[in-house]
Amino acid sequence: MSRFRIQSAAAHRLDEIYAYTLETWGEAQAERYIGGLFARFDAIAARAFPWRPIPAAFGVDGYVCRYEKHLIYWKRLDDGAVGIVTILHERMHQIDRFRDDFGA
């Protein structure tokens, strides 16, 4: 069983990130970037990478960390696994997009 699970909004964001990267920089870069995101998910689940609580302004409990130009938002699931809630580019309006994806 995986130590992390990709929630539906995060899966959608991964598809968007892959498509944009593929179109802009090619297949090798798209594969590298998505692979790097999944390596970061593993590091989060293994508690091998620092994170911080989601800012109070977002109105939910959870955590955030950075991977290159993206912020990964996650929460602890009832079974102890990490739920990757969404992945947002640093230039996106974080609170609005987060609320859409997190269901807040």
PDB file of N, CA and C in Angstrom:
ATOM      1  N   MET A   1       0.847  -1.186   0.000  1.00  0.00           N
ATOM      2  CA  MET A   1       0.000   0.000   0.000  1.00  0.00           C
ATOM      3  C   MET A   1       0.887   1.242   0.000  1.00  0.00           C
ATOM      4  N   SER A   2       0.528   2.221  -0.806  1.00  0.00           N
ATOM      5  CA  SER A   2       1.299   3.457  -0.890  1.00  0.00           C
ATOM      6  C   SER A   2       1.129   4.275   0.385  1.00  0.00           C
ATOM      7  N   ARG A   3       2.166   4.986   0.729  1.00  0.00           N
ATOM      8  CA  ARG A   3       2.110   5.858   1.896  1.00  0.00           C
ATOM      9  C   ARG A   3       1.437   7.176   1.573  1.00  0.00           C
ATOM     10  N   PHE A   4       1.147   7.411   0.312  1.00  0.00           N
ATOM     11  CA  PHE A   4       0.410   8.614  -0.061  1.00  0.00           C
ATOM     12  C   PHE A   4      -0.656   8.247  -1.082  1.00  0.00           C
ATOM     13  N   ARG A   5      -1.702   9.070  -1.114  1.00  0.00           N
ATOM     14  CA  ARG A   5      -2.756   8.891  -2.096  1.00  0.00           C
ATOM     15  C   ARG A   5      -3.033  10.243  -2.756  1.00  0.00           C
ATOM     16  N   ILE A   6      -3.196  10.208  -4.053  1.00  0.00           N
ATOM     17  CA  ILE A   6      -3.476  11.405  -4.839  1.00  0.00           C
ATOM     18  C   ILE A   6      -4.990  11.628  -4.832  1.00  0.00           C
ATOM     19  N   GLN A   7      -5.428  12.763  -4.316  1.00  0.00           N
ATOM     20  CA  GLN A   7      -6.847  13.118  -4.316  1.00  0.00           C
ATOM     21  C   GLN A   7      -7.221  13.600  -5.722  1.00  0.00           C
ATOM     22  N   SER A   8      -8.515  13.668  -6.022  1.00  0.00           N
ATOM     23  CA  SER A   8      -8.966  13.947  -7.394  1.00  0.00           C
ATOM     24  C   SER A   8      -8.484  15.297  -7.925  1.00  0.00           C
ATOM     25  N   ALA A   9      -8.529  16.350  -7.106  1.00  0.00           N
ATOM     26  CA  ALA A   9      -8.068  17.659  -7.580  1.00  0.00           C
ATOM     27  C   ALA A   9      -6.577  17.623  -7.906  1.00  0.00           C
ATOM     28  N   ALA A  10      -5.804  16.923  -7.088  1.00  0.00           N
ATOM     29  CA  ALA A  10      -4.363  16.814  -7.339  1.00  0.00           C
ATOM     30  C   ALA A  10      -4.095  16.035  -8.621  1.00  0.00           C
ATOM     31  N   ALA A  11      -4.876  14.989  -8.871  1.00  0.00           N
ATOM     32  CA  ALA A  11      -4.710  14.218 -10.105  1.00  0.00           C
ATOM     33  C   ALA A  11      -4.966  15.108 -11.324  1.00  0.00           C
ATOM     34  N   HIS A  12      -5.988  15.936 -11.234  1.00  0.00           N
ATOM     35  CA  HIS A  12      -6.291  16.869 -12.320  1.00  0.00           C
ATOM     36  C   HIS A  12      -5.131  17.852 -12.519  1.00  0.00           C
ATOM     37  N   ARG A  13      -4.593  18.382 -11.416  1.00  0.00           N
ATOM     38  CA  ARG A  13      -3.464  19.317 -11.510  1.00  0.00           C
ATOM     39  C   ARG A  13      -2.236  18.635 -12.103  1.00  0.00           C
ATOM     40  N   LEU A  14      -1.985  17.391 -11.741  1.00  0.00           N
ATOM     41  CA  LEU A  14      -0.847  16.658 -12.321  1.00  0.00           C
ATOM     42  C   LEU A  14      -1.006  16.537 -13.833  1.00  0.00           C
ATOM     43  N   ASP A  15      -2.215  16.239 -14.286  1.00  0.00           N
ATOM     44  CA  ASP A  15      -2.463  16.163 -15.735  1.00  0.00           C
ATOM     45  C   ASP A  15      -2.176  17.507 -16.410  1.00  0.00           C
ATOM     46  N   GLU A  16      -2.628  18.596 -15.784  1.00  0.00           N
ATOM     47  CA  GLU A  16      -2.384  19.933 -16.335  1.00  0.00           C
ATOM     48  C   GLU A  16      -0.889  20.254 -16.379  1.00  0.00           C
ATOM     49  N   ILE A  17      -0.192  19.944 -15.298  1.00  0.00           N
ATOM     50  CA  ILE A  17       1.241  20.211 -15.234  1.00  0.00           C
ATOM     51  C   ILE A  17       1.975  19.431 -16.315  1.00  0.00           C
ATOM     52  N   TYR A  18       1.629  18.158 -16.464  1.00  0.00           N
ATOM     53  CA  TYR A  18       2.278  17.328 -17.476  1.00  0.00           C
ATOM     54  C   TYR A  18       2.028  17.883 -18.875  1.00  0.00           C
ATOM     55  N   ALA A  19       0.767  18.186 -19.181  1.00  0.00           N
ATOM     56  CA  ALA A  19       0.422  18.679 -20.520  1.00  0.00           C
ATOM     57  C   ALA A  19       1.130  19.991 -20.827  1.00  0.00           C
ATOM     58  N   TYR A  20       1.143  20.907 -19.875  1.00  0.00           N
ATOM     59  CA  TYR A  20       1.800  22.193 -20.089  1.00  0.00           C
ATOM     60  C   TYR A  20       3.311  22.011 -20.290  1.00  0.00           C
ATOM     61  N   THR A  21       3.916  21.205 -19.453  1.00  0.00           N
ATOM     62  CA  THR A  21       5.362  20.987 -19.540  1.00  0.00           C
ATOM     63  C   THR A  21       5.722  20.276 -20.840  1.00  0.00           C
ATOM     64  N   LEU A  22       4.924  19.293 -21.227  1.00  0.00           N
ATOM     65  CA  LEU A  22       5.144  18.579 -22.485  1.00  0.00           C
ATOM     66  C   LEU A  22       5.095  19.542 -23.665  1.00  0.00           C
ATOM     67  N   GLU A  23       4.072  20.372 -23.700  1.00  0.00           N
ATOM     68  CA  GLU A  23       3.907  21.314 -24.816  1.00  0.00           C
ATOM     69  C   GLU A  23       5.004  22.373 -24.830  1.00  0.00           C
ATOM     70  N   THR A  24       5.424  22.823 -23.652  1.00  0.00           N
ATOM     71  CA  THR A  24       6.374  23.931 -23.560  1.00  0.00           C
ATOM     72  C   THR A  24       7.823  23.476 -23.663  1.00  0.00           C
ATOM     73  N   TRP A  25       8.170  22.370 -22.996  1.00  0.00           N
ATOM     74  CA  TRP A  25       9.577  21.965 -22.914  1.00  0.00           C
ATOM     75  C   TRP A  25       9.877  20.546 -23.387  1.00  0.00           C
ATOM     76  N   GLY A  26       8.859  19.805 -23.776  1.00  0.00           N
ATOM     77  CA  GLY A  26       9.082  18.481 -24.336  1.00  0.00           C
ATOM     78  C   GLY A  26       8.882  17.338 -23.348  1.00  0.00           C
ATOM     79  N   GLU A  27       8.871  16.136 -23.930  1.00  0.00           N
ATOM     80  CA  GLU A  27       8.547  14.932 -23.160  1.00  0.00           C
ATOM     81  C   GLU A  27       9.552  14.641 -22.044  1.00  0.00           C
ATOM     82  N   ALA A  28      10.834  14.774 -22.331  1.00  0.00           N
ATOM     83  CA  ALA A  28      11.834  14.457 -21.304  1.00  0.00           C
ATOM     84  C   ALA A  28      11.667  15.341 -20.071  1.00  0.00           C
ATOM     85  N   GLN A  29      11.437  16.629 -20.288  1.00  0.00           N
ATOM     86  CA  GLN A  29      11.246  17.544 -19.158  1.00  0.00           C
ATOM     87  C   GLN A  29       9.940  17.251 -18.424  1.00  0.00           C
ATOM     88  N   ALA A  30       8.876  16.942 -19.166  1.00  0.00           N
ATOM     89  CA  ALA A  30       7.595  16.618 -18.529  1.00  0.00           C
ATOM     90  C   ALA A  30       7.740  15.381 -17.648  1.00  0.00           C
ATOM     91  N   GLU A  31       8.411  14.354 -18.142  1.00  0.00           N
ATOM     92  CA  GLU A  31       8.634  13.130 -17.357  1.00  0.00           C
ATOM     93  C   GLU A  31       9.493  13.423 -16.127  1.00  0.00           C
ATOM     94  N   ARG A  32      10.534  14.228 -16.292  1.00  0.00           N
ATOM     95  CA  ARG A  32      11.406  14.555 -15.169  1.00  0.00           C
ATOM     96  C   ARG A  32      10.650  15.317 -14.086  1.00  0.00           C
ATOM     97  N   TYR A  33       9.855  16.289 -14.505  1.00  0.00           N
ATOM     98  CA  TYR A  33       9.152  17.121 -13.534  1.00  0.00           C
ATOM     99  C   TYR A  33       8.101  16.317 -12.768  1.00  0.00           C
ATOM    100  N   ILE A  34       7.306  15.521 -13.474  1.00  0.00           N
ATOM    101  CA  ILE A  34       6.290  14.695 -12.808  1.00  0.00           C
ATOM    102  C   ILE A  34       6.980  13.667 -11.905  1.00  0.00           C
ATOM    103  N   GLY A  35       8.055  13.085 -12.372  1.00  0.00           N
ATOM    104  CA  GLY A  35       8.815  12.148 -11.531  1.00  0.00           C
ATOM    105  C   GLY A  35       9.327  12.818 -10.270  1.00  0.00           C
ATOM    106  N   GLY A  36       9.771  14.055 -10.399  1.00  0.00           N
ATOM    107  CA  GLY A  36      10.232  14.815  -9.239  1.00  0.00           C
ATOM    108  C   GLY A  36       9.119  15.092  -8.250  1.00  0.00           C
ATOM    109  N   LEU A  37       7.930  15.389  -8.759  1.00  0.00           N
ATOM    110  CA  LEU A  37       6.784  15.593  -7.871  1.00  0.00           C
ATOM    111  C   LEU A  37       6.467  14.316  -7.087  1.00  0.00           C
ATOM    112  N   PHE A  38       6.474  13.172  -7.781  1.00  0.00           N
ATOM    113  CA  PHE A  38       6.186  11.913  -7.089  1.00  0.00           C
ATOM    114  C   PHE A  38       7.284  11.563  -6.084  1.00  0.00           C
ATOM    115  N   ALA A  39       8.516  11.895  -6.387  1.00  0.00           N
ATOM    116  CA  ALA A  39       9.595  11.691  -5.409  1.00  0.00           C
ATOM    117  C   ALA A  39       9.363  12.566  -4.181  1.00  0.00           C
ATOM    118  N   ARG A  40       8.863  13.787  -4.393  1.00  0.00           N
ATOM    119  CA  ARG A  40       8.560  14.661  -3.265  1.00  0.00           C
ATOM    120  C   ARG A  40       7.407  14.095  -2.445  1.00  0.00           C
ATOM    121  N   PHE A  41       6.380  13.533  -3.107  1.00  0.00           N
ATOM    122  CA  PHE A  41       5.276  12.907  -2.367  1.00  0.00           C
ATOM    123  C   PHE A  41       5.812  11.798  -1.463  1.00  0.00           C
ATOM    124  N   ASP A  42       6.720  10.981  -2.011  1.00  0.00           N
ATOM    125  CA  ASP A  42       7.343   9.922  -1.204  1.00  0.00           C
ATOM    126  C   ASP A  42       8.090  10.500  -0.013  1.00  0.00           C
ATOM    127  N   ALA A  43       8.825  11.584  -0.238  1.00  0.00           N
ATOM    128  CA  ALA A  43       9.595  12.220   0.839  1.00  0.00           C
ATOM    129  C   ALA A  43       8.672  12.787   1.918  1.00  0.00           C
ATOM    130  N   ILE A  44       7.558  13.356   1.517  1.00  0.00           N
ATOM    131  CA  ILE A  44       6.577  13.867   2.481  1.00  0.00           C
ATOM    132  C   ILE A  44       6.059  12.706   3.329  1.00  0.00           C
ATOM    133  N   ALA A  45       5.643  11.634   2.670  1.00  0.00           N
ATOM    134  CA  ALA A  45       5.084  10.479   3.378  1.00  0.00           C
ATOM    135  C   ALA A  45       6.098   9.845   4.323  1.00  0.00           C
ATOM    136  N   ALA A  46       7.378   9.893   3.956  1.00  0.00           N
ATOM    137  CA  ALA A  46       8.438   9.322   4.789  1.00  0.00           C
ATOM    138  C   ALA A  46       8.937  10.302   5.847  1.00  0.00           C
ATOM    139  N   ARG A  47       8.336  11.491   5.882  1.00  0.00           N
ATOM    140  CA  ARG A  47       8.759  12.549   6.816  1.00  0.00           C
ATOM    141  C   ARG A  47      10.231  12.929   6.582  1.00  0.00           C
ATOM    142  N   ALA A  48      10.641  12.879   5.324  1.00  0.00           N
ATOM    143  CA  ALA A  48      12.033  13.149   4.964  1.00  0.00           C
ATOM    144  C   ALA A  48      12.213  14.507   4.290  1.00  0.00           C
ATOM    145  N   PHE A  49      11.172  15.331   4.328  1.00  0.00           N
ATOM    146  CA  PHE A  49      11.249  16.649   3.709  1.00  0.00           C
ATOM    147  C   PHE A  49      10.474  17.625   4.580  1.00  0.00           C
ATOM    148  N   PRO A  50      11.005  18.827   4.808  1.00  0.00           N
ATOM    149  CA  PRO A  50      10.292  19.778   5.679  1.00  0.00           C
ATOM    150  C   PRO A  50       9.033  20.337   5.018  1.00  0.00           C
ATOM    151  N   TRP A  51       8.052  20.606   5.846  1.00  0.00           N
ATOM    152  CA  TRP A  51       6.817  21.239   5.409  1.00  0.00           C
ATOM    153  C   TRP A  51       6.368  22.191   6.503  1.00  0.00           C
ATOM    154  N   ARG A  52       5.324  22.951   6.213  1.00  0.00           N
ATOM    155  CA  ARG A  52       4.777  23.865   7.217  1.00  0.00           C
ATOM    156  C   ARG A  52       3.249  23.759   7.183  1.00  0.00           C
ATOM    157  N   PRO A  53       2.592  24.167   8.263  1.00  0.00           N
ATOM    158  CA  PRO A  53       1.126  24.138   8.253  1.00  0.00           C
ATOM    159  C   PRO A  53       0.581  25.087   7.183  1.00  0.00           C
ATOM    160  N   ILE A  54      -0.562  24.724   6.632  1.00  0.00           N
ATOM    161  CA  ILE A  54      -1.244  25.610   5.683  1.00  0.00           C
ATOM    162  C   ILE A  54      -1.609  26.881   6.440  1.00  0.00           C
ATOM    163  N   PRO A  55      -1.402  28.055   5.843  1.00  0.00           N
ATOM    164  CA  PRO A  55      -1.736  29.312   6.530  1.00  0.00           C
ATOM    165  C   PRO A  55      -3.188  29.332   7.014  1.00  0.00           C
ATOM    166  N   ALA A  56      -3.405  29.945   8.163  1.00  0.00           N
ATOM    167  CA  ALA A  56      -4.734  30.010   8.774  1.00  0.00           C
ATOM    168  C   ALA A  56      -5.761  30.652   7.845  1.00  0.00           C
ATOM    169  N   ALA A  57      -5.330  31.569   6.980  1.00  0.00           N
ATOM    170  CA  ALA A  57      -6.244  32.253   6.064  1.00  0.00           C
ATOM    171  C   ALA A  57      -6.964  31.268   5.131  1.00  0.00           C
ATOM    172  N   PHE A  58      -6.400  30.086   4.938  1.00  0.00           N
ATOM    173  CA  PHE A  58      -7.013  29.102   4.059  1.00  0.00           C
ATOM    174  C   PHE A  58      -8.187  28.395   4.743  1.00  0.00           C
ATOM    175  N   GLY A  59      -8.218  28.399   6.066  1.00  0.00           N
ATOM    176  CA  GLY A  59      -9.343  27.860   6.808  1.00  0.00           C
ATOM    177  C   GLY A  59      -9.450  26.350   6.876  1.00  0.00           C
ATOM    178  N   VAL A  60      -8.350  25.629   6.659  1.00  0.00           N
ATOM    179  CA  VAL A  60      -8.363  24.164   6.749  1.00  0.00           C
ATOM    180  C   VAL A  60      -7.094  23.690   7.448  1.00  0.00           C
ATOM    181  N   ASP A  61      -7.150  22.471   7.964  1.00  0.00           N
ATOM    182  CA  ASP A  61      -5.956  21.863   8.535  1.00  0.00           C
ATOM    183  C   ASP A  61      -5.238  21.086   7.449  1.00  0.00           C
ATOM    184  N   GLY A  62      -3.946  21.244   7.392  1.00  0.00           N
ATOM    185  CA  GLY A  62      -3.142  20.536   6.415  1.00  0.00           C
ATOM    186  C   GLY A  62      -1.763  21.148   6.365  1.00  0.00           C
ATOM    187  N   TYR A  63      -0.994  20.752   5.367  1.00  0.00           N
ATOM    188  CA  TYR A  63       0.404  21.151   5.271  1.00  0.00           C
ATOM    189  C   TYR A  63       0.749  21.517   3.841  1.00  0.00           C
ATOM    190  N   VAL A  64       1.851  22.228   3.698  1.00  0.00           N
ATOM    191  CA  VAL A  64       2.306  22.664   2.380  1.00  0.00           C
ATOM    192  C   VAL A  64       3.822  22.578   2.317  1.00  0.00           C
ATOM    193  N   CYS A  65       4.324  22.232   1.140  1.00  0.00           N
ATOM    194  CA  CYS A  65       5.764  22.308   0.877  1.00  0.00           C
ATOM    195  C   CYS A  65       5.947  22.630  -0.597  1.00  0.00           C
ATOM    196  N   ARG A  66       7.146  22.992  -0.955  1.00  0.00           N
ATOM    197  CA  ARG A  66       7.458  23.436  -2.317  1.00  0.00           C
ATOM    198  C   ARG A  66       8.193  22.335  -3.076  1.00  0.00           C
ATOM    199  N   TYR A  67       7.885  22.261  -4.378  1.00  0.00           N
ATOM    200  CA  TYR A  67       8.703  21.512  -5.328  1.00  0.00           C
ATOM    201  C   TYR A  67       8.908  22.436  -6.520  1.00  0.00           C
ATOM    202  N   GLU A  68      10.111  22.888  -6.706  1.00  0.00           N
ATOM    203  CA  GLU A  68      10.474  23.823  -7.768  1.00  0.00           C
ATOM    204  C   GLU A  68       9.483  24.982  -7.816  1.00  0.00           C
ATOM    205  N   LYS A  69       8.654  25.076  -8.845  1.00  0.00           N
ATOM    206  CA  LYS A  69       7.732  26.210  -9.004  1.00  0.00           C
ATOM    207  C   LYS A  69       6.323  25.925  -8.488  1.00  0.00           C
ATOM    208  N   HIS A  70       6.130  24.781  -7.841  1.00  0.00           N
ATOM    209  CA  HIS A  70       4.805  24.391  -7.375  1.00  0.00           C
ATOM    210  C   HIS A  70       4.762  24.220  -5.862  1.00  0.00           C
ATOM    211  N   LEU A  71       3.577  24.451  -5.307  1.00  0.00           N
ATOM    212  CA  LEU A  71       3.316  24.206  -3.891  1.00  0.00           C
ATOM    213  C   LEU A  71       2.417  22.983  -3.794  1.00  0.00           C
ATOM    214  N   ILE A  72       2.818  22.047  -2.960  1.00  0.00           N
ATOM    215  CA  ILE A  72       2.069  20.814  -2.753  1.00  0.00           C
ATOM    216  C   ILE A  72       1.311  20.945  -1.434  1.00  0.00           C
ATOM    217  N   TYR A  73      -0.009  20.791  -1.496  1.00  0.00           N
ATOM    218  CA  TYR A  73      -0.845  20.855  -0.307  1.00  0.00           C
ATOM    219  C   TYR A  73      -1.306  19.440   0.025  1.00  0.00           C
ATOM    220  N   TRP A  74      -1.176  19.073   1.284  1.00  0.00           N
ATOM    221  CA  TRP A  74      -1.553  17.719   1.679  1.00  0.00           C
ATOM    222  C   TRP A  74      -2.131  17.702   3.084  1.00  0.00           C
ATOM    223  N   LYS A  75      -2.770  16.589   3.405  1.00  0.00           N
ATOM    224  CA  LYS A  75      -3.321  16.399   4.749  1.00  0.00           C
ATOM    225  C   LYS A  75      -3.110  14.953   5.162  1.00  0.00           C
ATOM    226  N   ARG A  76      -3.161  14.733   6.449  1.00  0.00           N
ATOM    227  CA  ARG A  76      -3.072  13.379   6.966  1.00  0.00           C
ATOM    228  C   ARG A  76      -4.459  12.756   6.892  1.00  0.00           C
ATOM    229  N   LEU A  77      -4.551  11.582   6.306  1.00  0.00           N
ATOM    230  CA  LEU A  77      -5.811  10.863   6.189  1.00  0.00           C
ATOM    231  C   LEU A  77      -6.065  10.048   7.455  1.00  0.00           C
ATOM    232  N   ASP A  78      -7.288   9.603   7.641  1.00  0.00           N
ATOM    233  CA  ASP A  78      -7.668   8.868   8.848  1.00  0.00           C
ATOM    234  C   ASP A  78      -6.810   7.625   9.087  1.00  0.00           C
ATOM    235  N   ASP A  79      -6.358   6.990   8.016  1.00  0.00           N
ATOM    236  CA  ASP A  79      -5.542   5.782   8.174  1.00  0.00           C
ATOM    237  C   ASP A  79      -4.049   6.075   8.340  1.00  0.00           C
ATOM    238  N   GLY A  80      -3.693   7.373   8.442  1.00  0.00           N
ATOM    239  CA  GLY A  80      -2.305   7.761   8.642  1.00  0.00           C
ATOM    240  C   GLY A  80      -1.543   8.054   7.364  1.00  0.00           C
ATOM    241  N   ALA A  81      -2.126   7.721   6.208  1.00  0.00           N
ATOM    242  CA  ALA A  81      -1.467   8.018   4.935  1.00  0.00           C
ATOM    243  C   ALA A  81      -1.523   9.517   4.661  1.00  0.00           C
ATOM    244  N   VAL A  82      -0.714   9.944   3.738  1.00  0.00           N
ATOM    245  CA  VAL A  82      -0.709  11.332   3.284  1.00  0.00           C
ATOM    246  C   VAL A  82      -1.646  11.434   2.086  1.00  0.00           C
ATOM    247  N   GLY A  83      -2.564  12.390   2.141  1.00  0.00           N
ATOM    248  CA  GLY A  83      -3.453  12.659   1.012  1.00  0.00           C
ATOM    249  C   GLY A  83      -2.982  13.907   0.296  1.00  0.00           C
ATOM    250  N   ILE A  84      -2.485  13.764  -0.918  1.00  0.00           N
ATOM    251  CA  ILE A  84      -2.053  14.912  -1.715  1.00  0.00           C
ATOM    252  C   ILE A  84      -3.325  15.569  -2.249  1.00  0.00           C
ATOM    253  N   VAL A  85      -3.629  16.757  -1.728  1.00  0.00           N
ATOM    254  CA  VAL A  85      -4.902  17.410  -2.030  1.00  0.00           C
ATOM    255  C   VAL A  85      -4.835  18.184  -3.339  1.00  0.00           C
ATOM    256  N   THR A  86      -3.794  18.991  -3.506  1.00  0.00           N
ATOM    257  CA  THR A  86      -3.654  19.757  -4.740  1.00  0.00           C
ATOM    258  C   THR A  86      -2.210  20.193  -4.905  1.00  0.00           C
ATOM    259  N   ILE A  87      -1.889  20.604  -6.116  1.00  0.00           N
ATOM    260  CA  ILE A  87      -0.562  21.106  -6.465  1.00  0.00           C
ATOM    261  C   ILE A  87      -0.801  22.375  -7.271  1.00  0.00           C
ATOM    262  N   LEU A  88      -0.310  23.500  -6.765  1.00  0.00           N
ATOM    263  CA  LEU A  88      -0.568  24.783  -7.413  1.00  0.00           C
ATOM    264  C   LEU A  88       0.735  25.487  -7.774  1.00  0.00           C
ATOM    265  N   HIS A  89       0.760  26.101  -8.939  1.00  0.00           N
ATOM    266  CA  HIS A  89       1.918  26.888  -9.357  1.00  0.00           C
ATOM    267  C   HIS A  89       2.040  28.100  -8.451  1.00  0.00           C
ATOM    268  N   GLU A  90       3.264  28.503  -8.177  1.00  0.00           N
ATOM    269  CA  GLU A  90       3.501  29.626  -7.268  1.00  0.00           C
ATOM    270  C   GLU A  90       2.855  30.920  -7.736  1.00  0.00           C
ATOM    271  N   ARG A  91       2.578  31.062  -9.013  1.00  0.00           N
ATOM    272  CA  ARG A  91       1.969  32.295  -9.525  1.00  0.00           C
ATOM    273  C   ARG A  91       0.449  32.286  -9.465  1.00  0.00           C
ATOM    274  N   MET A  92      -0.156  31.143  -9.157  1.00  0.00           N
ATOM    275  CA  MET A  92      -1.614  31.077  -9.044  1.00  0.00           C
ATOM    276  C   MET A  92      -2.057  31.792  -7.781  1.00  0.00           C
ATOM    277  N   HIS A  93      -3.284  32.294  -7.793  1.00  0.00           N
ATOM    278  CA  HIS A  93      -3.845  32.871  -6.578  1.00  0.00           C
ATOM    279  C   HIS A  93      -4.174  31.695  -5.659  1.00  0.00           C
ATOM    280  N   GLN A  94      -3.327  31.481  -4.692  1.00  0.00           N
ATOM    281  CA  GLN A  94      -3.355  30.269  -3.889  1.00  0.00           C
ATOM    282  C   GLN A  94      -4.668  30.046  -3.145  1.00  0.00           C
ATOM    283  N   ILE A  95      -5.190  31.043  -2.453  1.00  0.00           N
ATOM    284  CA  ILE A  95      -6.367  30.824  -1.613  1.00  0.00           C
ATOM    285  C   ILE A  95      -7.569  30.410  -2.467  1.00  0.00           C
ATOM    286  N   ASP A  96      -7.833  31.121  -3.564  1.00  0.00           N
ATOM    287  CA  ASP A  96      -8.988  30.794  -4.397  1.00  0.00           C
ATOM    288  C   ASP A  96      -8.859  29.404  -5.007  1.00  0.00           C
ATOM    289  N   ARG A  97      -7.721  29.093  -5.579  1.00  0.00           N
ATOM    290  CA  ARG A  97      -7.525  27.782  -6.200  1.00  0.00           C
ATOM    291  C   ARG A  97      -7.568  26.677  -5.148  1.00  0.00           C
ATOM    292  N   PHE A  98      -6.945  26.949  -4.016  1.00  0.00           N
ATOM    293  CA  PHE A  98      -6.920  25.971  -2.939  1.00  0.00           C
ATOM    294  C   PHE A  98      -8.325  25.648  -2.477  1.00  0.00           C
ATOM    295  N   ARG A  99      -9.133  26.666  -2.251  1.00  0.00           N
ATOM    296  CA  ARG A  99     -10.511  26.452  -1.795  1.00  0.00           C
ATOM    297  C   ARG A  99     -11.301  25.646  -2.817  1.00  0.00           C
ATOM    298  N   ASP A 100     -11.075  25.915  -4.099  1.00  0.00           N
ATOM    299  CA  ASP A 100     -11.745  25.128  -5.143  1.00  0.00           C
ATOM    300  C   ASP A 100     -11.344  23.663  -5.047  1.00  0.00           C
ATOM    301  N   ASP A 101     -10.058  23.398  -4.897  1.00  0.00           N
ATOM    302  CA  ASP A 101      -9.534  22.031  -4.897  1.00  0.00           C
ATOM    303  C   ASP A 101      -9.771  21.295  -3.590  1.00  0.00           C
ATOM    304  N   PHE A 102      -9.681  22.017  -2.477  1.00  0.00           N
ATOM    305  CA  PHE A 102      -9.783  21.391  -1.159  1.00  0.00           C
ATOM    306  C   PHE A 102     -11.237  21.224  -0.742  1.00  0.00           C
ATOM    307  N   GLY A 103     -12.134  21.952  -1.411  1.00  0.00           N
ATOM    308  CA  GLY A 103     -13.542  21.895  -1.052  1.00  0.00           C
ATOM    309  C   GLY A 103     -13.855  22.711   0.176  1.00  0.00           C
ATOM    310  N   ALA A 104     -12.990  23.717   0.466  1.00  0.00           N
ATOM    311  CA  ALA A 104     -13.192  24.559   1.650  1.00  0.00           C
ATOM    312  C   ALA A 104     -14.193  25.653   1.357  1.00  0.00           C
TER     313      ALA A 104
END
